[in-house]
Amino acid sequence: MLQQGIISRNWMLSNSSLLLVQTLWKSRLGEKILLET
């Protein structure tokens, strides 16, 4: 039971970091497009 909680918390942390990377990547991409046009 405790192990399952740890696993789900780790999954949530990795998931949120993935979302952060995605948003940063999208904003970087948007900046690049704005600079190129």
PDB file of N, CA and C in Angstrom:
ATOM      1  N   MET A   1       0.832  -1.195   0.000  1.00  0.00           N
ATOM      2  CA  MET A   1       0.000   0.000   0.000  1.00  0.00           C
ATOM      3  C   MET A   1       0.880   1.265   0.000  1.00  0.00           C
ATOM      4  N   LEU A   2       1.867   1.282   0.892  1.00  0.00           N
ATOM      5  CA  LEU A   2       2.773   2.430   0.984  1.00  0.00           C
ATOM      6  C   LEU A   2       3.596   2.570  -0.296  1.00  0.00           C
ATOM      7  N   GLN A   3       4.057   1.419  -0.797  1.00  0.00           N
ATOM      8  CA  GLN A   3       4.864   1.417  -2.024  1.00  0.00           C
ATOM      9  C   GLN A   3       4.058   1.985  -3.199  1.00  0.00           C
ATOM     10  N   GLN A   4       2.789   1.637  -3.253  1.00  0.00           N
ATOM     11  CA  GLN A   4       1.929   2.120  -4.325  1.00  0.00           C
ATOM     12  C   GLN A   4       1.809   3.640  -4.265  1.00  0.00           C
ATOM     13  N   GLY A   5       1.708   4.184  -3.047  1.00  0.00           N
ATOM     14  CA  GLY A   5       1.629   5.634  -2.872  1.00  0.00           C
ATOM     15  C   GLY A   5       2.887   6.330  -3.354  1.00  0.00           C
ATOM     16  N   ILE A   6       4.030   5.733  -3.052  1.00  0.00           N
ATOM     17  CA  ILE A   6       5.320   6.285  -3.492  1.00  0.00           C
ATOM     18  C   ILE A   6       5.411   6.266  -5.020  1.00  0.00           C
ATOM     19  N   ILE A   7       4.987   5.180  -5.622  1.00  0.00           N
ATOM     20  CA  ILE A   7       5.030   5.040  -7.076  1.00  0.00           C
ATOM     21  C   ILE A   7       4.130   6.097  -7.737  1.00  0.00           C
ATOM     22  N   SER A   8       2.924   6.266  -7.207  1.00  0.00           N
ATOM     23  CA  SER A   8       2.011   7.239  -7.802  1.00  0.00           C
ATOM     24  C   SER A   8       2.528   8.668  -7.631  1.00  0.00           C
ATOM     25  N   ARG A   9       3.189   8.935  -6.482  1.00  0.00           N
ATOM     26  CA  ARG A   9       3.744  10.275  -6.268  1.00  0.00           C
ATOM     27  C   ARG A   9       4.895  10.531  -7.247  1.00  0.00           C
ATOM     28  N   ASN A  10       5.744   9.514  -7.439  1.00  0.00           N
ATOM     29  CA  ASN A  10       6.846   9.641  -8.400  1.00  0.00           C
ATOM     30  C   ASN A  10       6.305   9.841  -9.816  1.00  0.00           C
ATOM     31  N   TRP A  11       5.228   9.135 -10.149  1.00  0.00           N
ATOM     32  CA  TRP A  11       4.611   9.258 -11.467  1.00  0.00           C
ATOM     33  C   TRP A  11       4.070  10.664 -11.668  1.00  0.00           C
ATOM     34  N   MET A  12       3.446  11.207 -10.608  1.00  0.00           N
ATOM     35  CA  MET A  12       2.912  12.569 -10.685  1.00  0.00           C
ATOM     36  C   MET A  12       4.039  13.581 -10.880  1.00  0.00           C
ATOM     37  N   LEU A  13       5.146  13.381 -10.176  1.00  0.00           N
ATOM     38  CA  LEU A  13       6.293  14.286 -10.296  1.00  0.00           C
ATOM     39  C   LEU A  13       6.881  14.236 -11.699  1.00  0.00           C
ATOM     40  N   SER A  14       7.080  13.035 -12.230  1.00  0.00           N
ATOM     41  CA  SER A  14       7.646  12.901 -13.567  1.00  0.00           C
ATOM     42  C   SER A  14       6.671  13.447 -14.614  1.00  0.00           C
ATOM     43  N   ASN A  15       5.371  13.265 -14.370  1.00  0.00           N
ATOM     44  CA  ASN A  15       4.348  13.763 -15.274  1.00  0.00           C
ATOM     45  C   ASN A  15       4.350  15.285 -15.324  1.00  0.00           C
ATOM     46  N   SER A  16       4.453  15.920 -14.148  1.00  0.00           N
ATOM     47  CA  SER A  16       4.448  17.383 -14.092  1.00  0.00           C
ATOM     48  C   SER A  16       5.717  17.945 -14.728  1.00  0.00           C
ATOM     49  N   SER A  17       6.852  17.268 -14.546  1.00  0.00           N
ATOM     50  CA  SER A  17       8.093  17.736 -15.161  1.00  0.00           C
ATOM     51  C   SER A  17       8.016  17.595 -16.680  1.00  0.00           C
ATOM     52  N   LEU A  18       7.353  16.541 -17.151  1.00  0.00           N
ATOM     53  CA  LEU A  18       7.150  16.362 -18.590  1.00  0.00           C
ATOM     54  C   LEU A  18       6.291  17.489 -19.150  1.00  0.00           C
ATOM     55  N   LEU A  19       5.237  17.853 -18.424  1.00  0.00           N
ATOM     56  CA  LEU A  19       4.367  18.944 -18.837  1.00  0.00           C
ATOM     57  C   LEU A  19       5.138  20.253 -18.889  1.00  0.00           C
ATOM     58  N   LEU A  20       5.999  20.470 -17.882  1.00  0.00           N
ATOM     59  CA  LEU A  20       6.816  21.678 -17.827  1.00  0.00           C
ATOM     60  C   LEU A  20       7.747  21.756 -19.026  1.00  0.00           C
ATOM     61  N   VAL A  21       8.386  20.630 -19.343  1.00  0.00           N
ATOM     62  CA  VAL A  21       9.284  20.573 -20.495  1.00  0.00           C
ATOM     63  C   VAL A  21       8.504  20.852 -21.783  1.00  0.00           C
ATOM     64  N   GLN A  22       7.316  20.278 -21.896  1.00  0.00           N
ATOM     65  CA  GLN A  22       6.485  20.488 -23.088  1.00  0.00           C
ATOM     66  C   GLN A  22       6.113  21.952 -23.255  1.00  0.00           C
ATOM     67  N   THR A  23       5.692  22.598 -22.165  1.00  0.00           N
ATOM     68  CA  THR A  23       5.300  24.006 -22.246  1.00  0.00           C
ATOM     69  C   THR A  23       6.502  24.888 -22.574  1.00  0.00           C
ATOM     70  N   LEU A  24       7.645  24.582 -21.967  1.00  0.00           N
ATOM     71  CA  LEU A  24       8.867  25.343 -22.262  1.00  0.00           C
ATOM     72  C   LEU A  24       9.256  25.163 -23.726  1.00  0.00           C
ATOM     73  N   TRP A  25       9.176  23.944 -24.209  1.00  0.00           N
ATOM     74  CA  TRP A  25       9.524  23.638 -25.602  1.00  0.00           C
ATOM     75  C   TRP A  25       8.589  24.367 -26.563  1.00  0.00           C
ATOM     76  N   LYS A  26       7.295  24.390 -26.240  1.00  0.00           N
ATOM     77  CA  LYS A  26       6.308  25.068 -27.086  1.00  0.00           C
ATOM     78  C   LYS A  26       6.555  26.571 -27.113  1.00  0.00           C
ATOM     79  N   SER A  27       6.884  27.149 -25.946  1.00  0.00           N
ATOM     80  CA  SER A  27       7.148  28.588 -25.895  1.00  0.00           C
ATOM     81  C   SER A  27       8.436  28.933 -26.653  1.00  0.00           C
ATOM     82  N   ARG A  28       9.436  28.062 -26.536  1.00  0.00           N
ATOM     83  CA  ARG A  28      10.685  28.260 -27.281  1.00  0.00           C
ATOM     84  C   ARG A  28      10.391  28.221 -28.784  1.00  0.00           C
ATOM     85  N   LEU A  29       9.563  27.263 -29.181  1.00  0.00           N
ATOM     86  CA  LEU A  29       9.197  27.103 -30.580  1.00  0.00           C
ATOM     87  C   LEU A  29       8.437  28.333 -31.073  1.00  0.00           C
ATOM     88  N   GLY A  30       7.521  28.831 -30.242  1.00  0.00           N
ATOM     89  CA  GLY A  30       6.763  30.033 -30.583  1.00  0.00           C
ATOM     90  C   GLY A  30       7.659  31.243 -30.739  1.00  0.00           C
ATOM     91  N   GLU A  31       8.635  31.381 -29.853  1.00  0.00           N
ATOM     92  CA  GLU A  31       9.597  32.486 -29.939  1.00  0.00           C
ATOM     93  C   GLU A  31      10.389  32.412 -31.231  1.00  0.00           C
ATOM     94  N   LYS A  32      10.821  31.203 -31.580  1.00  0.00           N
ATOM     95  CA  LYS A  32      11.596  30.979 -32.797  1.00  0.00           C
ATOM     96  C   LYS A  32      10.788  31.398 -34.030  1.00  0.00           C
ATOM     97  N   ILE A  33       9.513  31.008 -34.049  1.00  0.00           N
ATOM     98  CA  ILE A  33       8.636  31.347 -35.172  1.00  0.00           C
ATOM     99  C   ILE A  33       8.443  32.863 -35.256  1.00  0.00           C
ATOM    100  N   LEU A  34       8.248  33.498 -34.094  1.00  0.00           N
ATOM    101  CA  LEU A  34       8.069  34.946 -34.059  1.00  0.00           C
ATOM    102  C   LEU A  34       9.318  35.672 -34.544  1.00  0.00           C
ATOM    103  N   LEU A  35      10.482  35.168 -34.152  1.00  0.00           N
ATOM    104  CA  LEU A  35      11.746  35.789 -34.561  1.00  0.00           C
ATOM    105  C   LEU A  35      11.993  35.608 -36.055  1.00  0.00           C
ATOM    106  N   GLU A  36      11.604  34.464 -36.585  1.00  0.00           N
ATOM    107  CA  GLU A  36      11.857  34.179 -38.002  1.00  0.00           C
ATOM    108  C   GLU A  36      10.944  34.949 -38.934  1.00  0.00           C
ATOM    109  N   THR A  37       9.742  35.265 -38.499  1.00  0.00           N
ATOM    110  CA  THR A  37       8.794  35.977 -39.365  1.00  0.00           C
ATOM    111  C   THR A  37       9.000  37.477 -39.322  1.00  0.00           C
TER     112      THR A  37
END
